[in-house]
Amino acid sequence: MPRKVDPRQRRTLIADALMRVAADRGLEAVSLRHVAAEAGVSAGMVQHYFTTKDEMMAFALSVVRDRGQARVEAAVAALGADPQPRLLLRTLLAALLPLDDAAREDGRVALAFLSWTALHPAAAPGLRPDTARLVEFIAGLLPRPPAPPAGRAEAASDAAAGLLALVEGLGVYLLGGQYTPAQATAALDHQLDLLFA
């Protein structure tokens, strides 16, 4: 009797191979043939699960996103029940930074994918709502800001978006080697000190 194959597991195996190809040779080297060779499966099998390169790339991006979310959830769960908002926010944002080898590897691939989605926005429709939810969550943890300037709807959302942009920029500097983990976390702590002063 043939063994039943879990399609999600097989797609994840292919996505992992895609990420290894992307990490080793860059996204321009990603093709169905290269990914199949890296995964140790036939090109026909890759095409069975992903009819286009865009579909394969979008799925791989979702795998990277899921891994990042799992890191954040584990870090936040380690805080226990009812952590202080600043500690919760610092833990969440630090978990988004590529501070260790596993996070750096995922971060390099995620950065390449984000650059790729700038040219292929239809391939990653979930990014905008994910970012909006994260900004909303961060805004809910920040102290009540003063009234927003005239013409600005929500100061807390602006501050949250700025904080998230800072973390994204620190991540790029970490991946490029311009900052050490200590420098990046010091910059994050400084910004949190300003917001929670």
N, C-alpha and C. Protein backbone atom coordinates (compact mmCIF):
# COMPACT_ATOMS: atom_id res chain seq x y z
N MET A 1 0.85 -1.18 0.00
CA MET A 1 0.00 0.00 0.00
C MET A 1 0.90 1.24 0.00
N PRO A 2 0.67 2.20 -0.91
CA PRO A 2 1.53 3.38 -0.98
C PRO A 2 1.37 4.25 0.27
N ARG A 3 2.49 4.88 0.66
CA ARG A 3 2.47 5.75 1.83
C ARG A 3 1.77 7.05 1.48
N LYS A 4 0.91 7.52 2.39
CA LYS A 4 0.18 8.77 2.16
C LYS A 4 1.13 9.95 2.38
N VAL A 5 1.14 10.89 1.45
CA VAL A 5 2.04 12.03 1.51
C VAL A 5 1.26 13.24 2.01
N ASP A 6 1.83 13.95 2.96
CA ASP A 6 1.23 15.18 3.47
C ASP A 6 1.64 16.32 2.52
N PRO A 7 0.67 16.90 1.79
CA PRO A 7 1.04 17.95 0.82
C PRO A 7 1.73 19.15 1.46
N ARG A 8 1.28 19.55 2.66
CA ARG A 8 1.91 20.70 3.33
C ARG A 8 3.37 20.37 3.67
N GLN A 9 3.61 19.16 4.14
CA GLN A 9 4.97 18.74 4.48
C GLN A 9 5.86 18.72 3.23
N ARG A 10 5.31 18.20 2.12
CA ARG A 10 6.08 18.15 0.87
C ARG A 10 6.36 19.56 0.35
N ARG A 11 5.36 20.45 0.44
CA ARG A 11 5.56 21.84 0.00
C ARG A 11 6.62 22.53 0.87
N THR A 12 6.60 22.23 2.17
CA THR A 12 7.58 22.82 3.08
C THR A 12 8.99 22.31 2.77
N LEU A 13 9.11 21.03 2.45
CA LEU A 13 10.40 20.46 2.04
C LEU A 13 10.94 21.20 0.82
N ILE A 14 10.07 21.47 -0.13
CA ILE A 14 10.48 22.19 -1.35
C ILE A 14 10.83 23.64 -1.01
N ALA A 15 10.02 24.26 -0.14
CA ALA A 15 10.31 25.65 0.26
C ALA A 15 11.65 25.74 0.99
N ASP A 16 11.95 24.76 1.84
CA ASP A 16 13.25 24.76 2.53
C ASP A 16 14.40 24.66 1.52
N ALA A 17 14.21 23.84 0.49
CA ALA A 17 15.23 23.73 -0.55
C ALA A 17 15.39 25.06 -1.29
N LEU A 18 14.27 25.70 -1.57
CA LEU A 18 14.30 27.01 -2.23
C LEU A 18 15.10 28.00 -1.38
N MET A 19 14.87 27.98 -0.06
CA MET A 19 15.56 28.92 0.81
C MET A 19 17.06 28.63 0.87
N ARG A 20 17.44 27.36 0.81
CA ARG A 20 18.87 27.04 0.78
C ARG A 20 19.51 27.53 -0.51
N VAL A 21 18.81 27.34 -1.63
CA VAL A 21 19.32 27.85 -2.91
C VAL A 21 19.45 29.37 -2.84
N ALA A 22 18.42 30.03 -2.32
CA ALA A 22 18.44 31.49 -2.24
C ALA A 22 19.55 31.97 -1.32
N ALA A 23 19.75 31.29 -0.18
CA ALA A 23 20.78 31.71 0.77
C ALA A 23 22.18 31.49 0.19
N ASP A 24 22.36 30.39 -0.56
CA ASP A 24 23.69 30.07 -1.10
C ASP A 24 24.02 30.85 -2.36
N ARG A 25 23.01 31.01 -3.25
CA ARG A 25 23.31 31.56 -4.57
C ARG A 25 22.49 32.79 -4.94
N GLY A 26 21.58 33.21 -4.07
CA GLY A 26 20.74 34.37 -4.36
C GLY A 26 19.46 33.97 -5.07
N LEU A 27 18.47 34.85 -5.00
CA LEU A 27 17.16 34.53 -5.58
C LEU A 27 17.21 34.39 -7.10
N GLU A 28 18.17 35.07 -7.72
CA GLU A 28 18.25 34.96 -9.18
C GLU A 28 18.59 33.54 -9.62
N ALA A 29 19.16 32.76 -8.72
CA ALA A 29 19.51 31.37 -9.06
C ALA A 29 18.34 30.41 -8.82
N VAL A 30 17.27 30.90 -8.24
CA VAL A 30 16.14 30.03 -7.93
C VAL A 30 15.39 29.69 -9.22
N SER A 31 15.27 28.39 -9.47
CA SER A 31 14.45 27.91 -10.58
C SER A 31 13.84 26.59 -10.12
N LEU A 32 12.81 26.14 -10.80
CA LEU A 32 12.19 24.87 -10.44
C LEU A 32 13.23 23.75 -10.48
N ARG A 33 14.10 23.78 -11.47
CA ARG A 33 15.12 22.74 -11.63
C ARG A 33 16.13 22.76 -10.48
N HIS A 34 16.63 23.96 -10.13
CA HIS A 34 17.59 24.06 -9.03
C HIS A 34 16.97 23.65 -7.70
N VAL A 35 15.74 24.06 -7.47
CA VAL A 35 15.06 23.72 -6.22
C VAL A 35 14.82 22.22 -6.15
N ALA A 36 14.42 21.62 -7.25
CA ALA A 36 14.19 20.17 -7.28
C ALA A 36 15.49 19.42 -6.95
N ALA A 37 16.60 19.85 -7.54
CA ALA A 37 17.88 19.19 -7.28
C ALA A 37 18.27 19.33 -5.81
N GLU A 38 18.07 20.52 -5.24
CA GLU A 38 18.41 20.76 -3.84
C GLU A 38 17.52 19.93 -2.91
N ALA A 39 16.25 19.75 -3.27
CA ALA A 39 15.32 18.99 -2.44
C ALA A 39 15.47 17.48 -2.64
N GLY A 40 16.18 17.09 -3.71
CA GLY A 40 16.34 15.67 -3.99
C GLY A 40 15.08 15.04 -4.55
N VAL A 41 14.31 15.84 -5.29
CA VAL A 41 13.08 15.35 -5.91
C VAL A 41 13.11 15.71 -7.39
N SER A 42 12.15 15.22 -8.14
CA SER A 42 12.10 15.53 -9.57
C SER A 42 11.50 16.91 -9.80
N ALA A 43 11.86 17.51 -10.93
CA ALA A 43 11.27 18.79 -11.30
C ALA A 43 9.76 18.65 -11.46
N GLY A 44 9.32 17.48 -11.93
CA GLY A 44 7.88 17.23 -12.07
C GLY A 44 7.17 17.28 -10.73
N MET A 45 7.83 16.78 -9.67
CA MET A 45 7.20 16.84 -8.35
C MET A 45 7.06 18.29 -7.88
N VAL A 46 8.10 19.09 -8.12
CA VAL A 46 8.03 20.50 -7.74
C VAL A 46 6.87 21.16 -8.48
N GLN A 47 6.75 20.87 -9.77
CA GLN A 47 5.67 21.46 -10.56
C GLN A 47 4.29 20.95 -10.14
N HIS A 48 4.24 19.75 -9.56
CA HIS A 48 2.97 19.22 -9.06
C HIS A 48 2.46 20.08 -7.90
N TYR A 49 3.39 20.55 -7.05
CA TYR A 49 2.99 21.33 -5.88
C TYR A 49 2.98 22.83 -6.13
N PHE A 50 3.78 23.29 -7.09
CA PHE A 50 3.86 24.71 -7.41
C PHE A 50 3.84 24.86 -8.92
N THR A 51 2.78 25.44 -9.44
CA THR A 51 2.67 25.54 -10.90
C THR A 51 3.54 26.67 -11.46
N THR A 52 3.88 27.66 -10.62
CA THR A 52 4.72 28.76 -11.09
C THR A 52 5.80 29.07 -10.06
N LYS A 53 6.83 29.76 -10.51
CA LYS A 53 7.89 30.20 -9.60
C LYS A 53 7.31 31.18 -8.58
N ASP A 54 6.41 32.08 -9.01
CA ASP A 54 5.81 33.04 -8.08
C ASP A 54 5.08 32.32 -6.95
N GLU A 55 4.35 31.28 -7.28
CA GLU A 55 3.61 30.52 -6.27
C GLU A 55 4.59 29.87 -5.28
N MET A 56 5.67 29.33 -5.79
CA MET A 56 6.68 28.71 -4.94
C MET A 56 7.34 29.75 -4.04
N MET A 57 7.65 30.91 -4.59
CA MET A 57 8.28 31.98 -3.81
C MET A 57 7.34 32.48 -2.72
N ALA A 58 6.06 32.65 -3.04
CA ALA A 58 5.10 33.13 -2.05
C ALA A 58 4.97 32.13 -0.91
N PHE A 59 4.96 30.84 -1.21
CA PHE A 59 4.86 29.84 -0.16
C PHE A 59 6.11 29.85 0.71
N ALA A 60 7.28 29.95 0.09
CA ALA A 60 8.53 29.99 0.86
C ALA A 60 8.56 31.22 1.77
N LEU A 61 8.06 32.35 1.28
CA LEU A 61 7.99 33.55 2.12
C LEU A 61 7.08 33.31 3.31
N SER A 62 5.98 32.58 3.10
CA SER A 62 5.08 32.28 4.23
C SER A 62 5.76 31.37 5.25
N VAL A 63 6.63 30.47 4.79
CA VAL A 63 7.37 29.60 5.71
C VAL A 63 8.33 30.44 6.56
N VAL A 64 9.04 31.38 5.94
CA VAL A 64 9.94 32.26 6.69
C VAL A 64 9.14 33.08 7.69
N ARG A 65 8.00 33.59 7.27
CA ARG A 65 7.15 34.38 8.16
C ARG A 65 6.68 33.54 9.34
N ASP A 66 6.29 32.30 9.08
CA ASP A 66 5.84 31.41 10.16
C ASP A 66 6.96 31.12 11.15
N ARG A 67 8.18 30.95 10.66
CA ARG A 67 9.32 30.71 11.56
C ARG A 67 9.58 31.93 12.44
N GLY A 68 9.50 33.10 11.85
CA GLY A 68 9.67 34.33 12.63
C GLY A 68 8.59 34.47 13.68
N GLN A 69 7.36 34.15 13.30
CA GLN A 69 6.26 34.23 14.26
C GLN A 69 6.46 33.23 15.40
N ALA A 70 6.94 32.04 15.07
CA ALA A 70 7.19 31.04 16.11
C ALA A 70 8.27 31.52 17.08
N ARG A 71 9.32 32.20 16.56
CA ARG A 71 10.36 32.75 17.44
C ARG A 71 9.78 33.80 18.38
N VAL A 72 8.94 34.68 17.82
CA VAL A 72 8.31 35.74 18.63
C VAL A 72 7.42 35.11 19.70
N GLU A 73 6.58 34.14 19.30
CA GLU A 73 5.66 33.52 20.26
C GLU A 73 6.42 32.81 21.38
N ALA A 74 7.52 32.14 21.06
CA ALA A 74 8.31 31.45 22.08
C ALA A 74 8.94 32.46 23.05
N ALA A 75 9.46 33.56 22.51
CA ALA A 75 10.09 34.58 23.36
C ALA A 75 9.05 35.22 24.28
N VAL A 76 7.88 35.52 23.74
CA VAL A 76 6.83 36.15 24.54
C VAL A 76 6.28 35.17 25.57
N ALA A 77 6.12 33.91 25.21
CA ALA A 77 5.61 32.90 26.16
C ALA A 77 6.56 32.74 27.34
N ALA A 78 7.86 32.90 27.11
CA ALA A 78 8.85 32.77 28.18
C ALA A 78 8.71 33.87 29.23
N LEU A 79 8.00 34.95 28.91
CA LEU A 79 7.81 36.03 29.87
C LEU A 79 6.79 35.69 30.96
N GLY A 80 5.97 34.69 30.71
CA GLY A 80 4.92 34.34 31.67
C GLY A 80 3.70 35.22 31.47
N ALA A 81 2.80 35.12 32.43
CA ALA A 81 1.53 35.85 32.33
C ALA A 81 1.71 37.33 32.67
N ASP A 82 1.00 38.18 31.94
CA ASP A 82 0.90 39.62 32.21
C ASP A 82 2.23 40.36 32.34
N PRO A 83 3.12 40.27 31.35
CA PRO A 83 4.35 41.07 31.42
C PRO A 83 4.02 42.55 31.25
N GLN A 84 4.90 43.39 31.74
CA GLN A 84 4.73 44.83 31.56
C GLN A 84 4.79 45.16 30.06
N PRO A 85 4.02 46.17 29.62
CA PRO A 85 4.00 46.49 28.18
C PRO A 85 5.38 46.74 27.57
N ARG A 86 6.26 47.47 28.29
CA ARG A 86 7.57 47.75 27.71
C ARG A 86 8.38 46.47 27.54
N LEU A 87 8.34 45.58 28.54
CA LEU A 87 9.07 44.32 28.46
C LEU A 87 8.50 43.45 27.34
N LEU A 88 7.19 43.40 27.23
CA LEU A 88 6.55 42.62 26.17
C LEU A 88 6.96 43.16 24.80
N LEU A 89 6.91 44.47 24.65
CA LEU A 89 7.27 45.09 23.37
C LEU A 89 8.75 44.88 23.05
N ARG A 90 9.62 45.04 24.01
CA ARG A 90 11.05 44.85 23.79
C ARG A 90 11.34 43.41 23.39
N THR A 91 10.69 42.46 24.07
CA THR A 91 10.88 41.04 23.76
C THR A 91 10.40 40.71 22.36
N LEU A 92 9.23 41.22 22.00
CA LEU A 92 8.68 40.98 20.67
C LEU A 92 9.60 41.54 19.59
N LEU A 93 10.02 42.79 19.76
CA LEU A 93 10.85 43.43 18.73
C LEU A 93 12.24 42.81 18.65
N ALA A 94 12.82 42.45 19.80
CA ALA A 94 14.13 41.80 19.77
C ALA A 94 14.04 40.45 19.09
N ALA A 95 12.91 39.76 19.23
CA ALA A 95 12.75 38.45 18.57
C ALA A 95 12.65 38.60 17.05
N LEU A 96 12.28 39.78 16.58
CA LEU A 96 12.23 40.03 15.14
C LEU A 96 13.61 40.28 14.55
N LEU A 97 14.56 40.66 15.40
CA LEU A 97 15.91 40.97 14.92
C LEU A 97 16.71 39.69 14.67
N PRO A 98 17.56 39.70 13.64
CA PRO A 98 18.42 38.54 13.37
C PRO A 98 19.64 38.54 14.29
N LEU A 99 19.42 38.13 15.54
CA LEU A 99 20.48 38.21 16.55
C LEU A 99 21.28 36.92 16.70
N ASP A 100 20.79 35.79 16.17
CA ASP A 100 21.54 34.54 16.24
C ASP A 100 21.63 33.93 14.85
N ASP A 101 22.35 32.83 14.74
CA ASP A 101 22.62 32.25 13.42
C ASP A 101 21.34 31.83 12.69
N ALA A 102 20.41 31.17 13.40
CA ALA A 102 19.17 30.72 12.74
C ALA A 102 18.35 31.91 12.27
N ALA A 103 18.24 32.94 13.12
CA ALA A 103 17.47 34.13 12.74
C ALA A 103 18.16 34.88 11.60
N ARG A 104 19.51 34.88 11.59
CA ARG A 104 20.22 35.55 10.50
C ARG A 104 19.99 34.84 9.17
N GLU A 105 19.99 33.51 9.19
CA GLU A 105 19.76 32.79 7.95
C GLU A 105 18.36 33.08 7.41
N ASP A 106 17.36 33.00 8.29
CA ASP A 106 16.00 33.34 7.87
C ASP A 106 15.91 34.80 7.45
N GLY A 107 16.63 35.67 8.16
CA GLY A 107 16.60 37.09 7.84
C GLY A 107 17.16 37.40 6.47
N ARG A 108 18.25 36.73 6.10
CA ARG A 108 18.83 36.94 4.76
C ARG A 108 17.84 36.53 3.68
N VAL A 109 17.20 35.39 3.89
CA VAL A 109 16.23 34.91 2.91
C VAL A 109 15.02 35.84 2.87
N ALA A 110 14.55 36.25 4.06
CA ALA A 110 13.38 37.15 4.12
C ALA A 110 13.68 38.47 3.41
N LEU A 111 14.89 39.00 3.62
CA LEU A 111 15.26 40.26 2.97
C LEU A 111 15.29 40.09 1.45
N ALA A 112 15.82 38.99 0.99
CA ALA A 112 15.83 38.73 -0.45
C ALA A 112 14.41 38.62 -0.99
N PHE A 113 13.55 37.93 -0.24
CA PHE A 113 12.15 37.79 -0.67
C PHE A 113 11.44 39.14 -0.68
N LEU A 114 11.69 39.96 0.33
CA LEU A 114 11.04 41.27 0.36
C LEU A 114 11.48 42.13 -0.82
N SER A 115 12.76 42.04 -1.16
CA SER A 115 13.23 42.77 -2.35
C SER A 115 12.53 42.23 -3.60
N TRP A 116 12.37 40.92 -3.64
CA TRP A 116 11.73 40.30 -4.79
C TRP A 116 10.26 40.71 -4.89
N THR A 117 9.56 40.79 -3.73
CA THR A 117 8.15 41.17 -3.78
C THR A 117 7.95 42.64 -4.17
N ALA A 118 9.01 43.45 -4.03
CA ALA A 118 8.90 44.83 -4.50
C ALA A 118 8.69 44.85 -6.01
N LEU A 119 9.24 43.84 -6.70
CA LEU A 119 9.06 43.74 -8.15
C LEU A 119 7.88 42.86 -8.53
N HIS A 120 7.41 42.02 -7.59
CA HIS A 120 6.31 41.09 -7.83
C HIS A 120 5.29 41.19 -6.69
N PRO A 121 4.64 42.34 -6.50
CA PRO A 121 3.77 42.53 -5.33
C PRO A 121 2.61 41.55 -5.25
N ALA A 122 2.16 41.03 -6.35
CA ALA A 122 1.03 40.09 -6.32
C ALA A 122 1.41 38.75 -5.69
N ALA A 123 2.70 38.49 -5.55
CA ALA A 123 3.15 37.19 -5.03
C ALA A 123 3.08 37.11 -3.51
N ALA A 124 2.88 38.22 -2.84
CA ALA A 124 2.84 38.20 -1.37
C ALA A 124 1.70 39.06 -0.85
N PRO A 125 0.46 38.64 -1.11
CA PRO A 125 -0.68 39.47 -0.71
C PRO A 125 -0.85 39.58 0.80
N GLY A 126 -0.28 38.66 1.58
CA GLY A 126 -0.47 38.69 3.02
C GLY A 126 0.42 39.66 3.77
N LEU A 127 1.42 40.24 3.11
CA LEU A 127 2.37 41.09 3.83
C LEU A 127 1.72 42.35 4.38
N ARG A 128 0.90 43.02 3.60
CA ARG A 128 0.31 44.29 4.05
C ARG A 128 -0.60 44.09 5.26
N PRO A 129 -1.54 43.12 5.25
CA PRO A 129 -2.36 42.93 6.45
C PRO A 129 -1.55 42.49 7.67
N ASP A 130 -0.52 41.66 7.46
CA ASP A 130 0.34 41.24 8.57
C ASP A 130 1.01 42.45 9.21
N THR A 131 1.54 43.34 8.38
CA THR A 131 2.21 44.54 8.89
C THR A 131 1.21 45.43 9.62
N ALA A 132 0.02 45.60 9.07
CA ALA A 132 -0.99 46.44 9.72
C ALA A 132 -1.37 45.88 11.09
N ARG A 133 -1.52 44.55 11.20
CA ARG A 133 -1.85 43.94 12.49
C ARG A 133 -0.72 44.14 13.50
N LEU A 134 0.52 44.01 13.03
CA LEU A 134 1.66 44.18 13.93
C LEU A 134 1.75 45.63 14.41
N VAL A 135 1.56 46.58 13.52
CA VAL A 135 1.58 48.00 13.91
C VAL A 135 0.47 48.28 14.92
N GLU A 136 -0.70 47.72 14.70
CA GLU A 136 -1.82 47.92 15.62
C GLU A 136 -1.50 47.33 17.00
N PHE A 137 -0.89 46.15 17.03
CA PHE A 137 -0.53 45.51 18.30
C PHE A 137 0.51 46.35 19.04
N ILE A 138 1.54 46.79 18.32
CA ILE A 138 2.58 47.62 18.93
C ILE A 138 1.98 48.91 19.47
N ALA A 139 1.10 49.54 18.70
CA ALA A 139 0.46 50.79 19.13
C ALA A 139 -0.30 50.59 20.43
N GLY A 140 -0.92 49.42 20.60
CA GLY A 140 -1.67 49.13 21.82
C GLY A 140 -0.78 48.98 23.05
N LEU A 141 0.50 48.71 22.85
CA LEU A 141 1.43 48.56 23.98
C LEU A 141 2.10 49.87 24.37
N LEU A 142 2.11 50.84 23.47
CA LEU A 142 2.80 52.10 23.73
C LEU A 142 2.00 52.97 24.70
N PRO A 143 2.69 53.79 25.49
CA PRO A 143 1.98 54.74 26.34
C PRO A 143 1.16 55.70 25.49
N ARG A 144 0.11 56.24 26.05
CA ARG A 144 -0.72 57.18 25.29
C ARG A 144 0.12 58.38 24.89
N PRO A 145 0.25 58.62 23.59
CA PRO A 145 1.06 59.76 23.14
C PRO A 145 0.26 61.05 23.27
N PRO A 146 0.96 62.18 23.18
CA PRO A 146 0.23 63.44 23.13
C PRO A 146 -0.63 63.50 21.87
N ALA A 147 -1.48 64.47 21.81
CA ALA A 147 -2.37 64.61 20.65
C ALA A 147 -1.54 64.66 19.37
N PRO A 148 -2.01 63.99 18.30
CA PRO A 148 -1.24 64.01 17.05
C PRO A 148 -1.26 65.40 16.42
N PRO A 149 -0.26 65.69 15.61
CA PRO A 149 -0.23 66.98 14.91
C PRO A 149 -1.46 67.12 14.02
N ALA A 150 -1.79 68.35 13.69
CA ALA A 150 -2.95 68.60 12.84
C ALA A 150 -2.83 67.81 11.54
N GLY A 151 -3.92 67.19 11.17
CA GLY A 151 -3.94 66.41 9.94
C GLY A 151 -3.49 64.98 10.10
N ARG A 152 -3.03 64.58 11.29
CA ARG A 152 -2.58 63.21 11.53
C ARG A 152 -3.66 62.51 12.35
N ALA A 153 -4.07 61.35 11.90
CA ALA A 153 -5.19 60.67 12.54
C ALA A 153 -4.80 60.02 13.87
N GLU A 154 -3.65 59.42 13.96
CA GLU A 154 -3.35 58.60 15.14
C GLU A 154 -1.87 58.62 15.46
N ALA A 155 -1.52 59.28 16.56
CA ALA A 155 -0.11 59.37 16.94
C ALA A 155 0.45 58.01 17.35
N ALA A 156 -0.36 57.17 18.03
CA ALA A 156 0.14 55.86 18.47
C ALA A 156 0.51 54.99 17.27
N SER A 157 -0.29 55.02 16.23
CA SER A 157 0.02 54.24 15.03
C SER A 157 1.28 54.75 14.34
N ASP A 158 1.44 56.07 14.34
CA ASP A 158 2.65 56.65 13.75
C ASP A 158 3.89 56.21 14.53
N ALA A 159 3.80 56.26 15.86
CA ALA A 159 4.93 55.85 16.70
C ALA A 159 5.22 54.36 16.52
N ALA A 160 4.17 53.55 16.42
CA ALA A 160 4.35 52.10 16.23
C ALA A 160 4.98 51.81 14.88
N ALA A 161 4.53 52.50 13.84
CA ALA A 161 5.10 52.30 12.51
C ALA A 161 6.57 52.71 12.50
N GLY A 162 6.90 53.79 13.17
CA GLY A 162 8.29 54.23 13.25
C GLY A 162 9.16 53.22 13.99
N LEU A 163 8.62 52.65 15.07
CA LEU A 163 9.37 51.67 15.84
C LEU A 163 9.61 50.41 15.02
N LEU A 164 8.58 49.98 14.29
CA LEU A 164 8.74 48.80 13.44
C LEU A 164 9.75 49.08 12.32
N ALA A 165 9.71 50.28 11.75
CA ALA A 165 10.68 50.64 10.71
C ALA A 165 12.10 50.66 11.27
N LEU A 166 12.26 51.13 12.51
CA LEU A 166 13.57 51.09 13.15
C LEU A 166 14.08 49.66 13.25
N VAL A 167 13.21 48.75 13.69
CA VAL A 167 13.62 47.35 13.84
C VAL A 167 14.00 46.75 12.48
N GLU A 168 13.21 47.06 11.45
CA GLU A 168 13.54 46.56 10.11
C GLU A 168 14.91 47.09 9.67
N GLY A 169 15.17 48.37 9.91
CA GLY A 169 16.46 48.95 9.54
C GLY A 169 17.61 48.34 10.34
N LEU A 170 17.38 48.13 11.64
CA LEU A 170 18.41 47.48 12.45
C LEU A 170 18.69 46.07 11.94
N GLY A 171 17.62 45.38 11.51
CA GLY A 171 17.79 44.03 10.95
C GLY A 171 18.68 44.05 9.72
N VAL A 172 18.46 45.03 8.85
CA VAL A 172 19.29 45.14 7.64
C VAL A 172 20.74 45.41 8.02
N TYR A 173 20.96 46.31 8.99
CA TYR A 173 22.32 46.60 9.43
C TYR A 173 22.99 45.39 10.07
N LEU A 174 22.21 44.60 10.82
CA LEU A 174 22.77 43.37 11.40
C LEU A 174 23.17 42.39 10.30
N LEU A 175 22.30 42.22 9.31
CA LEU A 175 22.58 41.28 8.22
C LEU A 175 23.77 41.73 7.39
N GLY A 176 23.94 43.04 7.25
CA GLY A 176 25.05 43.57 6.47
C GLY A 176 26.34 43.68 7.25
N GLY A 177 26.28 43.42 8.56
CA GLY A 177 27.48 43.48 9.38
C GLY A 177 27.86 44.87 9.85
N GLN A 178 27.01 45.88 9.57
CA GLN A 178 27.33 47.23 10.03
C GLN A 178 27.14 47.37 11.55
N TYR A 179 26.20 46.60 12.11
CA TYR A 179 25.93 46.64 13.54
C TYR A 179 26.15 45.26 14.14
N THR A 180 26.59 45.26 15.39
CA THR A 180 26.65 44.02 16.16
C THR A 180 25.30 43.85 16.86
N PRO A 181 25.00 42.64 17.36
CA PRO A 181 23.76 42.48 18.13
C PRO A 181 23.68 43.45 19.32
N ALA A 182 24.80 43.71 19.98
CA ALA A 182 24.79 44.64 21.12
C ALA A 182 24.43 46.05 20.68
N GLN A 183 24.96 46.49 19.54
CA GLN A 183 24.64 47.83 19.04
C GLN A 183 23.16 47.93 18.65
N ALA A 184 22.66 46.89 18.01
CA ALA A 184 21.26 46.91 17.57
C ALA A 184 20.31 46.93 18.77
N THR A 185 20.57 46.10 19.76
CA THR A 185 19.67 46.07 20.92
C THR A 185 19.80 47.36 21.74
N ALA A 186 20.99 47.97 21.77
CA ALA A 186 21.15 49.25 22.46
C ALA A 186 20.33 50.33 21.77
N ALA A 187 20.32 50.34 20.43
CA ALA A 187 19.52 51.32 19.69
C ALA A 187 18.03 51.09 19.93
N LEU A 188 17.62 49.83 19.96
CA LEU A 188 16.21 49.52 20.25
C LEU A 188 15.85 49.98 21.66
N ASP A 189 16.70 49.69 22.64
CA ASP A 189 16.42 50.09 24.02
C ASP A 189 16.35 51.61 24.14
N HIS A 190 17.22 52.31 23.44
CA HIS A 190 17.19 53.78 23.48
C HIS A 190 15.86 54.31 22.97
N GLN A 191 15.39 53.76 21.86
CA GLN A 191 14.12 54.22 21.31
C GLN A 191 12.96 53.90 22.25
N LEU A 192 13.01 52.73 22.86
CA LEU A 192 11.95 52.37 23.83
C LEU A 192 12.01 53.31 25.05
N ASP A 193 13.21 53.66 25.48
CA ASP A 193 13.33 54.61 26.60
C ASP A 193 12.68 55.94 26.26
N LEU A 194 12.86 56.40 25.03
CA LEU A 194 12.23 57.66 24.61
C LEU A 194 10.71 57.54 24.61
N LEU A 195 10.20 56.42 24.11
CA LEU A 195 8.76 56.25 24.01
C LEU A 195 8.09 56.02 25.36
N PHE A 196 8.82 55.38 26.27
CA PHE A 196 8.24 55.07 27.58
C PHE A 196 8.68 56.04 28.67
N ALA A 197 9.37 57.13 28.28
CA ALA A 197 9.83 58.08 29.28
C ALA A 197 8.65 58.71 30.01
